[in-house]
């Protein structure tokens, strides 16, 4: 799941923590999720890989990801949510 959005009013401490923890080269899809932000810490991309079962659909996966985003406690407004089922992705290997 990839969620793009903008932050609401952040405290200086939250802004500093997000700036410090935002490394685009270390952004990973984890259960808790990781943030990458713009330099002003106004917009963000949140990457999350919620633990879903084989019978879960995109909507239930999206709910889990949005719960993980809300658990971080930062005020935000969501602009876009993208769901990718990695079990359907085909990898083309070079020979």
PDB file of N, CA and C in Angstrom:
ATOM      1  N   UNK A   1       0.835  -1.170   0.000  1.00  0.00           N
ATOM      2  CA  UNK A   1       0.000   0.000   0.000  1.00  0.00           C
ATOM      3  C   UNK A   1       0.888   1.244   0.000  1.00  0.00           C
ATOM      4  N   UNK A   2       0.513   2.193  -0.776  1.00  0.00           N
ATOM      5  CA  UNK A   2       1.175   3.483  -0.776  1.00  0.00           C
ATOM      6  C   UNK A   2       0.095   4.539  -0.589  1.00  0.00           C
ATOM      7  N   UNK A   3       0.267   5.357   0.442  1.00  0.00           N
ATOM      8  CA  UNK A   3      -0.687   6.418   0.740  1.00  0.00           C
ATOM      9  C   UNK A   3       0.049   7.743   0.582  1.00  0.00           C
ATOM     10  N   UNK A   4      -0.498   8.616  -0.223  1.00  0.00           N
ATOM     11  CA  UNK A   4       0.074   9.960  -0.370  1.00  0.00           C
ATOM     12  C   UNK A   4      -0.888  10.944   0.275  1.00  0.00           C
ATOM     13  N   UNK A   5      -0.310  11.937   0.963  1.00  0.00           N
ATOM     14  CA  UNK A   5      -1.155  12.914   1.623  1.00  0.00           C
ATOM     15  C   UNK A   5      -0.382  14.138   2.044  1.00  0.00           C
ATOM     16  N   UNK A   6      -1.065  14.977   2.784  1.00  0.00           N
ATOM     17  CA  UNK A   6      -0.460  16.180   3.345  1.00  0.00           C
ATOM     18  C   UNK A   6      -0.710  16.180   4.846  1.00  0.00           C
ATOM     19  N   UNK A   7       0.256  16.713   5.573  1.00  0.00           N
ATOM     20  CA  UNK A   7       0.127  16.800   7.018  1.00  0.00           C
ATOM     21  C   UNK A   7      -0.731  17.993   7.410  1.00  0.00           C
ATOM     22  N   UNK A   8      -1.388  17.858   8.556  1.00  0.00           N
ATOM     23  CA  UNK A   8      -2.089  18.975   9.169  1.00  0.00           C
ATOM     24  C   UNK A   8      -1.087  19.747  10.020  1.00  0.00           C
ATOM     25  N   UNK A   9      -1.569  20.393  11.040  1.00  0.00           N
ATOM     26  CA  UNK A   9      -0.716  21.164  11.945  1.00  0.00           C
ATOM     27  C   UNK A   9       0.146  20.212  12.769  1.00  0.00           C
ATOM     28  N   UNK A  10       1.462  20.288  12.572  1.00  0.00           N
ATOM     29  CA  UNK A  10       2.403  19.439  13.307  1.00  0.00           C
ATOM     30  C   UNK A  10       3.136  20.246  14.359  1.00  0.00           C
ATOM     31  N   UNK A  11       3.416  19.626  15.487  1.00  0.00           N
ATOM     32  CA  UNK A  11       4.243  20.270  16.506  1.00  0.00           C
ATOM     33  C   UNK A  11       5.683  20.320  15.997  1.00  0.00           C
ATOM     34  N   UNK A  12       6.494  21.235  16.516  1.00  0.00           N
ATOM     35  CA  UNK A  12       7.899  21.283  16.102  1.00  0.00           C
ATOM     36  C   UNK A  12       8.628  19.958  16.365  1.00  0.00           C
ATOM     37  N   UNK A  13       8.262  19.267  17.456  1.00  0.00           N
ATOM     38  CA  UNK A  13       8.901  17.988  17.770  1.00  0.00           C
ATOM     39  C   UNK A  13       8.514  16.926  16.737  1.00  0.00           C
ATOM     40  N   UNK A  14       7.245  16.869  16.361  1.00  0.00           N
ATOM     41  CA  UNK A  14       6.789  15.900  15.364  1.00  0.00           C
ATOM     42  C   UNK A  14       7.431  16.192  14.011  1.00  0.00           C
ATOM     43  N   UNK A  15       7.513  17.468  13.662  1.00  0.00           N
ATOM     44  CA  UNK A  15       8.126  17.862  12.390  1.00  0.00           C
ATOM     45  C   UNK A  15       9.595  17.446  12.351  1.00  0.00           C
ATOM     46  N   UNK A  16      10.305  17.668  13.459  1.00  0.00           N
ATOM     47  CA  UNK A  16      11.721  17.291  13.533  1.00  0.00           C
ATOM     48  C   UNK A  16      11.888  15.775  13.462  1.00  0.00           C
ATOM     49  N   UNK A  17      11.026  15.038  14.150  1.00  0.00           N
ATOM     50  CA  UNK A  17      11.114  13.568  14.134  1.00  0.00           C
ATOM     51  C   UNK A  17      10.841  13.028  12.733  1.00  0.00           C
ATOM     52  N   UNK A  18       9.858  13.587  12.039  1.00  0.00           N
ATOM     53  CA  UNK A  18       9.563  13.142  10.683  1.00  0.00           C
ATOM     54  C   UNK A  18      10.705  13.490   9.731  1.00  0.00           C
ATOM     55  N   UNK A  19      11.276  14.671   9.884  1.00  0.00           N
ATOM     56  CA  UNK A  19      12.387  15.070   9.028  1.00  0.00           C
ATOM     57  C   UNK A  19      13.583  14.150   9.246  1.00  0.00           C
ATOM     58  N   UNK A  20      13.846  13.823  10.496  1.00  0.00           N
ATOM     59  CA  UNK A  20      14.987  12.970  10.825  1.00  0.00           C
ATOM     60  C   UNK A  20      14.777  11.534  10.341  1.00  0.00           C
ATOM     61  N   UNK A  21      13.546  11.035  10.441  1.00  0.00           N
ATOM     62  CA  UNK A  21      13.268   9.652  10.080  1.00  0.00           C
ATOM     63  C   UNK A  21      12.931   9.438   8.620  1.00  0.00           C
ATOM     64  N   UNK A  22      12.878  10.497   7.838  1.00  0.00           N
ATOM     65  CA  UNK A  22      12.490  10.383   6.436  1.00  0.00           C
ATOM     66  C   UNK A  22      13.721  10.258   5.552  1.00  0.00           C
ATOM     67  N   UNK A  23      14.000   9.044   5.112  1.00  0.00           N
ATOM     68  CA  UNK A  23      15.111   8.791   4.216  1.00  0.00           C
ATOM     69  C   UNK A  23      14.574   8.025   3.012  1.00  0.00           C
ATOM     70  N   UNK A  24      14.499   8.661   1.841  1.00  0.00           N
ATOM     71  CA  UNK A  24      13.903   7.990   0.688  1.00  0.00           C
ATOM     72  C   UNK A  24      14.645   6.717   0.275  1.00  0.00           C
ATOM     73  N   UNK A  25      15.918   6.594   0.668  1.00  0.00           N
ATOM     74  CA  UNK A  25      16.684   5.398   0.317  1.00  0.00           C
ATOM     75  C   UNK A  25      16.446   4.265   1.306  1.00  0.00           C
ATOM     76  N   UNK A  26      15.819   4.556   2.441  1.00  0.00           N
ATOM     77  CA  UNK A  26      15.529   3.544   3.441  1.00  0.00           C
ATOM     78  C   UNK A  26      14.032   3.272   3.575  1.00  0.00           C
ATOM     79  N   UNK A  27      13.227   3.875   2.727  1.00  0.00           N
ATOM     80  CA  UNK A  27      11.776   3.684   2.802  1.00  0.00           C
ATOM     81  C   UNK A  27      11.442   2.246   2.429  1.00  0.00           C
ATOM     82  N   UNK A  28      10.767   1.572   3.318  1.00  0.00           N
ATOM     83  CA  UNK A  28      10.430   0.169   3.093  1.00  0.00           C
ATOM     84  C   UNK A  28       8.954  -0.051   3.345  1.00  0.00           C
ATOM     85  N   UNK A  29       8.436  -1.084   2.759  1.00  0.00           N
ATOM     86  CA  UNK A  29       7.057  -1.486   3.009  1.00  0.00           C
ATOM     87  C   UNK A  29       7.072  -2.413   4.221  1.00  0.00           C
ATOM     88  N   UNK A  30       6.684  -1.870   5.375  1.00  0.00           N
ATOM     89  CA  UNK A  30       6.674  -2.634   6.622  1.00  0.00           C
ATOM     90  C   UNK A  30       5.261  -2.653   7.190  1.00  0.00           C
ATOM     91  N   UNK A  31       5.055  -3.488   8.197  1.00  0.00           N
ATOM     92  CA  UNK A  31       3.744  -3.555   8.837  1.00  0.00           C
ATOM     93  C   UNK A  31       3.368  -2.254   9.514  1.00  0.00           C
ATOM     94  N   UNK A  32       4.332  -1.618  10.177  1.00  0.00           N
ATOM     95  CA  UNK A  32       4.075  -0.351  10.859  1.00  0.00           C
ATOM     96  C   UNK A  32       4.079   0.819   9.894  1.00  0.00           C
ATOM     97  N   UNK A  33       4.722   0.652   8.741  1.00  0.00           N
ATOM     98  CA  UNK A  33       4.770   1.704   7.733  1.00  0.00           C
ATOM     99  C   UNK A  33       5.933   2.649   7.919  1.00  0.00           C
ATOM    100  N   UNK A  34       6.371   3.246   6.819  1.00  0.00           N
ATOM    101  CA  UNK A  34       7.441   4.240   6.847  1.00  0.00           C
ATOM    102  C   UNK A  34       7.000   5.471   6.066  1.00  0.00           C
ATOM    103  N   UNK A  35       7.486   6.621   6.515  1.00  0.00           N
ATOM    104  CA  UNK A  35       7.185   7.897   5.873  1.00  0.00           C
ATOM    105  C   UNK A  35       8.371   8.379   5.058  1.00  0.00           C
ATOM    106  N   UNK A  36       8.092   9.005   3.937  1.00  0.00           N
ATOM    107  CA  UNK A  36       9.035   9.894   3.280  1.00  0.00           C
ATOM    108  C   UNK A  36       8.286  11.209   3.123  1.00  0.00           C
ATOM    109  N   UNK A  37       9.007  12.308   3.283  1.00  0.00           N
ATOM    110  CA  UNK A  37       8.369  13.623   3.245  1.00  0.00           C
ATOM    111  C   UNK A  37       9.136  14.559   2.328  1.00  0.00           C
ATOM    112  N   UNK A  38       8.485  15.651   1.982  1.00  0.00           N
ATOM    113  CA  UNK A  38       9.176  16.700   1.252  1.00  0.00           C
ATOM    114  C   UNK A  38      10.034  17.479   2.253  1.00  0.00           C
ATOM    115  N   UNK A  39      10.958  18.328   1.799  1.00  0.00           N
ATOM    116  CA  UNK A  39      11.832  19.054   2.728  1.00  0.00           C
ATOM    117  C   UNK A  39      11.096  19.916   3.752  1.00  0.00           C
ATOM    118  N   UNK A  40       9.931  20.429   3.391  1.00  0.00           N
ATOM    119  CA  UNK A  40       9.169  21.275   4.308  1.00  0.00           C
ATOM    120  C   UNK A  40       8.310  20.460   5.276  1.00  0.00           C
ATOM    121  N   UNK A  41       8.292  19.154   5.132  1.00  0.00           N
ATOM    122  CA  UNK A  41       7.469  18.229   5.924  1.00  0.00           C
ATOM    123  C   UNK A  41       5.998  18.659   5.862  1.00  0.00           C
ATOM    124  N   UNK A  42       5.533  18.908   4.645  1.00  0.00           N
ATOM    125  CA  UNK A  42       4.122  19.237   4.466  1.00  0.00           C
ATOM    126  C   UNK A  42       3.388  18.112   3.745  1.00  0.00           C
ATOM    127  N   UNK A  43       4.055  17.468   2.800  1.00  0.00           N
ATOM    128  CA  UNK A  43       3.464  16.342   2.067  1.00  0.00           C
ATOM    129  C   UNK A  43       4.219  15.067   2.433  1.00  0.00           C
ATOM    130  N   UNK A  44       3.552  13.924   2.281  1.00  0.00           N
ATOM    131  CA  UNK A  44       4.199  12.666   2.639  1.00  0.00           C
ATOM    132  C   UNK A  44       3.770  11.531   1.722  1.00  0.00           C
ATOM    133  N   UNK A  45       4.598  10.502   1.725  1.00  0.00           N
ATOM    134  CA  UNK A  45       4.256   9.206   1.153  1.00  0.00           C
ATOM    135  C   UNK A  45       4.437   8.209   2.282  1.00  0.00           C
ATOM    136  N   UNK A  46       3.426   7.410   2.537  1.00  0.00           N
ATOM    137  CA  UNK A  46       3.447   6.409   3.591  1.00  0.00           C
ATOM    138  C   UNK A  46       3.385   5.039   2.932  1.00  0.00           C
ATOM    139  N   UNK A  47       4.420   4.231   3.170  1.00  0.00           N
ATOM    140  CA  UNK A  47       4.476   2.887   2.594  1.00  0.00           C
ATOM    141  C   UNK A  47       4.190   1.873   3.684  1.00  0.00           C
ATOM    142  N   UNK A  48       3.289   0.961   3.406  1.00  0.00           N
ATOM    143  CA  UNK A  48       2.865  -0.004   4.417  1.00  0.00           C
ATOM    144  C   UNK A  48       2.557  -1.338   3.743  1.00  0.00           C
ATOM    145  N   UNK A  49       2.891  -2.410   4.438  1.00  0.00           N
ATOM    146  CA  UNK A  49       2.577  -3.754   3.956  1.00  0.00           C
ATOM    147  C   UNK A  49       1.781  -4.460   5.043  1.00  0.00           C
ATOM    148  N   UNK A  50       0.463  -4.259   5.058  1.00  0.00           N
ATOM    149  CA  UNK A  50      -0.343  -4.862   6.120  1.00  0.00           C
ATOM    150  C   UNK A  50      -0.396  -6.379   5.983  1.00  0.00           C
ATOM    151  N   UNK A  51      -0.470  -7.042   7.121  1.00  0.00           N
ATOM    152  CA  UNK A  51      -0.577  -8.502   7.129  1.00  0.00           C
ATOM    153  C   UNK A  51      -2.004  -8.887   6.751  1.00  0.00           C
ATOM    154  N   UNK A  52      -2.157  -9.427   5.567  1.00  0.00           N
ATOM    155  CA  UNK A  52      -3.465  -9.823   5.076  1.00  0.00           C
ATOM    156  C   UNK A  52      -3.481 -11.318   4.810  1.00  0.00           C
ATOM    157  N   UNK A  53      -4.663 -11.859   4.786  1.00  0.00           N
ATOM    158  CA  UNK A  53      -4.846 -13.273   4.501  1.00  0.00           C
ATOM    159  C   UNK A  53      -5.183 -13.492   3.044  1.00  0.00           C
ATOM    160  N   UNK A  54      -5.213 -14.742   2.614  1.00  0.00           N
ATOM    161  CA  UNK A  54      -5.494 -15.026   1.208  1.00  0.00           C
ATOM    162  C   UNK A  54      -6.908 -14.624   0.770  1.00  0.00           C
ATOM    163  N   UNK A  55      -7.829 -14.507   1.718  1.00  0.00           N
ATOM    164  CA  UNK A  55      -9.203 -14.151   1.373  1.00  0.00           C
ATOM    165  C   UNK A  55      -9.480 -12.656   1.487  1.00  0.00           C
ATOM    166  N   UNK A  56      -8.476 -11.868   1.918  1.00  0.00           N
ATOM    167  CA  UNK A  56      -8.674 -10.424   2.069  1.00  0.00           C
ATOM    168  C   UNK A  56      -8.659  -9.745   0.704  1.00  0.00           C
ATOM    169  N   UNK A  57      -9.526  -8.752   0.555  1.00  0.00           N
ATOM    170  CA  UNK A  57      -9.562  -7.998  -0.688  1.00  0.00           C
ATOM    171  C   UNK A  57      -8.820  -6.679  -0.516  1.00  0.00           C
ATOM    172  N   UNK A  58      -8.788  -5.877  -1.569  1.00  0.00           N
ATOM    173  CA  UNK A  58      -8.073  -4.603  -1.528  1.00  0.00           C
ATOM    174  C   UNK A  58      -8.661  -3.655  -0.486  1.00  0.00           C
ATOM    175  N   UNK A  59      -9.968  -3.690  -0.315  1.00  0.00           N
ATOM    176  CA  UNK A  59     -10.604  -2.786   0.642  1.00  0.00           C
ATOM    177  C   UNK A  59     -10.170  -3.095   2.073  1.00  0.00           C
ATOM    178  N   UNK A  60     -10.111  -4.365   2.439  1.00  0.00           N
ATOM    179  CA  UNK A  60      -9.682  -4.713   3.798  1.00  0.00           C
ATOM    180  C   UNK A  60      -8.199  -4.413   3.991  1.00  0.00           C
ATOM    181  N   UNK A  61      -7.385  -4.604   2.957  1.00  0.00           N
ATOM    182  CA  UNK A  61      -5.966  -4.254   3.045  1.00  0.00           C
ATOM    183  C   UNK A  61      -5.806  -2.747   3.211  1.00  0.00           C
ATOM    184  N   UNK A  62      -6.618  -1.972   2.488  1.00  0.00           N
ATOM    185  CA  UNK A  62      -6.562  -0.517   2.611  1.00  0.00           C
ATOM    186  C   UNK A  62      -6.943  -0.067   4.014  1.00  0.00           C
ATOM    187  N   UNK A  63      -7.950  -0.706   4.609  1.00  0.00           N
ATOM    188  CA  UNK A  63      -8.350  -0.358   5.980  1.00  0.00           C
ATOM    189  C   UNK A  63      -7.216  -0.622   6.967  1.00  0.00           C
ATOM    190  N   UNK A  64      -6.514  -1.742   6.798  1.00  0.00           N
ATOM    191  CA  UNK A  64      -5.378  -2.049   7.673  1.00  0.00           C
ATOM    192  C   UNK A  64      -4.267  -1.023   7.515  1.00  0.00           C
ATOM    193  N   UNK A  65      -3.980  -0.642   6.279  1.00  0.00           N
ATOM    194  CA  UNK A  65      -2.930   0.350   6.034  1.00  0.00           C
ATOM    195  C   UNK A  65      -3.304   1.707   6.612  1.00  0.00           C
ATOM    196  N   UNK A  66      -4.561   2.105   6.461  1.00  0.00           N
ATOM    197  CA  UNK A  66      -4.992   3.392   7.009  1.00  0.00           C
ATOM    198  C   UNK A  66      -4.987   3.370   8.535  1.00  0.00           C
ATOM    199  N   UNK A  67      -5.232   2.212   9.124  1.00  0.00           N
ATOM    200  CA  UNK A  67      -5.126   2.078  10.585  1.00  0.00           C
ATOM    201  C   UNK A  67      -3.677   2.243  11.023  1.00  0.00           C
ATOM    202  N   UNK A  68      -2.753   1.676  10.253  1.00  0.00           N
ATOM    203  CA  UNK A  68      -1.325   1.824  10.566  1.00  0.00           C
ATOM    204  C   UNK A  68      -0.906   3.284  10.451  1.00  0.00           C
ATOM    205  N   UNK A  69      -1.421   3.985   9.452  1.00  0.00           N
ATOM    206  CA  UNK A  69      -1.128   5.412   9.286  1.00  0.00           C
ATOM    207  C   UNK A  69      -1.678   6.200  10.473  1.00  0.00           C
ATOM    208  N   UNK A  70      -2.905   5.921  10.868  1.00  0.00           N
ATOM    209  CA  UNK A  70      -3.524   6.631  11.998  1.00  0.00           C
ATOM    210  C   UNK A  70      -2.791   6.359  13.303  1.00  0.00           C
ATOM    211  N   UNK A  71      -2.189   5.173  13.445  1.00  0.00           N
ATOM    212  CA  UNK A  71      -1.477   4.822  14.674  1.00  0.00           C
ATOM    213  C   UNK A  71      -0.272   5.727  14.909  1.00  0.00           C
ATOM    214  N   UNK A  72       0.255   6.338  13.856  1.00  0.00           N
ATOM    215  CA  UNK A  72       1.387   7.257  14.029  1.00  0.00           C
ATOM    216  C   UNK A  72       0.950   8.559  14.692  1.00  0.00           C
ATOM    217  N   UNK A  73      -0.331   8.877  14.625  1.00  0.00           N
ATOM    218  CA  UNK A  73      -0.883  10.006  15.358  1.00  0.00           C
ATOM    219  C   UNK A  73      -0.664  11.381  14.751  1.00  0.00           C
ATOM    220  N   UNK A  74      -0.166  11.466  13.533  1.00  0.00           N
ATOM    221  CA  UNK A  74       0.048  12.770  12.909  1.00  0.00           C
ATOM    222  C   UNK A  74      -1.226  13.212  12.192  1.00  0.00           C
ATOM    223  N   UNK A  75      -1.643  14.465  12.381  1.00  0.00           N
ATOM    224  CA  UNK A  75      -2.811  14.946  11.648  1.00  0.00           C
ATOM    225  C   UNK A  75      -2.492  14.969  10.148  1.00  0.00           C
ATOM    226  N   UNK A  76      -3.431  14.501   9.343  1.00  0.00           N
ATOM    227  CA  UNK A  76      -3.160  14.399   7.917  1.00  0.00           C
ATOM    228  C   UNK A  76      -4.452  14.433   7.111  1.00  0.00           C
ATOM    229  N   UNK A  77      -4.263  14.628   5.815  1.00  0.00           N
ATOM    230  CA  UNK A  77      -5.351  14.520   4.848  1.00  0.00           C
ATOM    231  C   UNK A  77      -4.841  13.636   3.720  1.00  0.00           C
ATOM    232  N   UNK A  78      -5.593  12.608   3.382  1.00  0.00           N
ATOM    233  CA  UNK A  78      -5.178  11.649   2.361  1.00  0.00           C
ATOM    234  C   UNK A  78      -5.539  12.173   0.982  1.00  0.00           C
ATOM    235  N   UNK A  79      -4.571  12.088   0.065  1.00  0.00           N
ATOM    236  CA  UNK A  79      -4.793  12.503  -1.311  1.00  0.00           C
ATOM    237  C   UNK A  79      -4.983  11.309  -2.248  1.00  0.00           C
ATOM    238  N   UNK A  80      -4.254  10.209  -1.979  1.00  0.00           N
ATOM    239  CA  UNK A  80      -4.298   9.065  -2.884  1.00  0.00           C
ATOM    240  C   UNK A  80      -3.899   7.798  -2.135  1.00  0.00           C
ATOM    241  N   UNK A  81      -4.554   6.698  -2.448  1.00  0.00           N
ATOM    242  CA  UNK A  81      -4.212   5.393  -1.890  1.00  0.00           C
ATOM    243  C   UNK A  81      -4.034   4.433  -3.061  1.00  0.00           C
ATOM    244  N   UNK A  82      -2.880   3.762  -3.106  1.00  0.00           N
ATOM    245  CA  UNK A  82      -2.614   2.791  -4.171  1.00  0.00           C
ATOM    246  C   UNK A  82      -2.374   1.424  -3.543  1.00  0.00           C
ATOM    247  N   UNK A  83      -3.061   0.424  -4.081  1.00  0.00           N
ATOM    248  CA  UNK A  83      -2.941  -0.948  -3.582  1.00  0.00           C
ATOM    249  C   UNK A  83      -2.312  -1.803  -4.682  1.00  0.00           C
ATOM    250  N   UNK A  84      -1.283  -2.561  -4.324  1.00  0.00           N
ATOM    251  CA  UNK A  84      -0.664  -3.484  -5.260  1.00  0.00           C
ATOM    252  C   UNK A  84      -0.601  -4.852  -4.616  1.00  0.00           C
ATOM    253  N   UNK A  85      -1.214  -5.827  -5.260  1.00  0.00           N
ATOM    254  CA  UNK A  85      -1.160  -7.202  -4.788  1.00  0.00           C
ATOM    255  C   UNK A  85       0.105  -7.828  -5.367  1.00  0.00           C
ATOM    256  N   UNK A  86       1.119  -8.000  -4.525  1.00  0.00           N
ATOM    257  CA  UNK A  86       2.404  -8.494  -5.006  1.00  0.00           C
ATOM    258  C   UNK A  86       2.341  -9.929  -5.515  1.00  0.00           C
ATOM    259  N   UNK A  87       1.310 -10.672  -5.141  1.00  0.00           N
ATOM    260  CA  UNK A  87       1.202 -12.033  -5.648  1.00  0.00           C
ATOM    261  C   UNK A  87       0.846 -12.060  -7.130  1.00  0.00           C
ATOM    262  N   UNK A  88       0.386 -10.951  -7.670  1.00  0.00           N
ATOM    263  CA  UNK A  88       0.029 -10.895  -9.087  1.00  0.00           C
ATOM    264  C   UNK A  88       1.114 -10.251  -9.941  1.00  0.00           C
ATOM    265  N   UNK A  89       2.180  -9.761  -9.321  1.00  0.00           N
ATOM    266  CA  UNK A  89       3.253  -9.097 -10.055  1.00  0.00           C
ATOM    267  C   UNK A  89       4.163 -10.149 -10.684  1.00  0.00           C
ATOM    268  N   UNK A  90       4.402 -10.016 -11.966  1.00  0.00           N
ATOM    269  CA  UNK A  90       5.296 -10.931 -12.661  1.00  0.00           C
ATOM    270  C   UNK A  90       6.671 -10.288 -12.761  1.00  0.00           C
ATOM    271  N   UNK A  91       7.678 -11.063 -12.422  1.00  0.00           N
ATOM    272  CA  UNK A  91       9.047 -10.566 -12.477  1.00  0.00           C
ATOM    273  C   UNK A  91       9.717 -11.164 -13.708  1.00  0.00           C
ATOM    274  N   UNK A  92      10.241 -10.294 -14.537  1.00  0.00           N
ATOM    275  CA  UNK A  92      10.935 -10.744 -15.732  1.00  0.00           C
ATOM    276  C   UNK A  92      12.422 -10.743 -15.429  1.00  0.00           C
ATOM    277  N   UNK A  93      13.007 -11.886 -15.445  1.00  0.00           N
ATOM    278  CA  UNK A  93      14.434 -12.022 -15.139  1.00  0.00           C
ATOM    279  C   UNK A  93      15.234 -11.978 -16.448  1.00  0.00           C
ATOM    280  N   UNK A  94      16.363 -11.314 -16.365  1.00  0.00           N
ATOM    281  CA  UNK A  94      17.262 -11.262 -17.527  1.00  0.00           C
ATOM    282  C   UNK A  94      18.076 -12.543 -17.590  1.00  0.00           C
ATOM    283  N   UNK A  95      18.370 -12.957 -18.756  1.00  0.00           N
ATOM    284  CA  UNK A  95      19.137 -14.189 -18.921  1.00  0.00           C
ATOM    285  C   UNK A  95      20.576 -13.890 -19.127  1.00  0.00           C
TER     286      UNK A  95
END
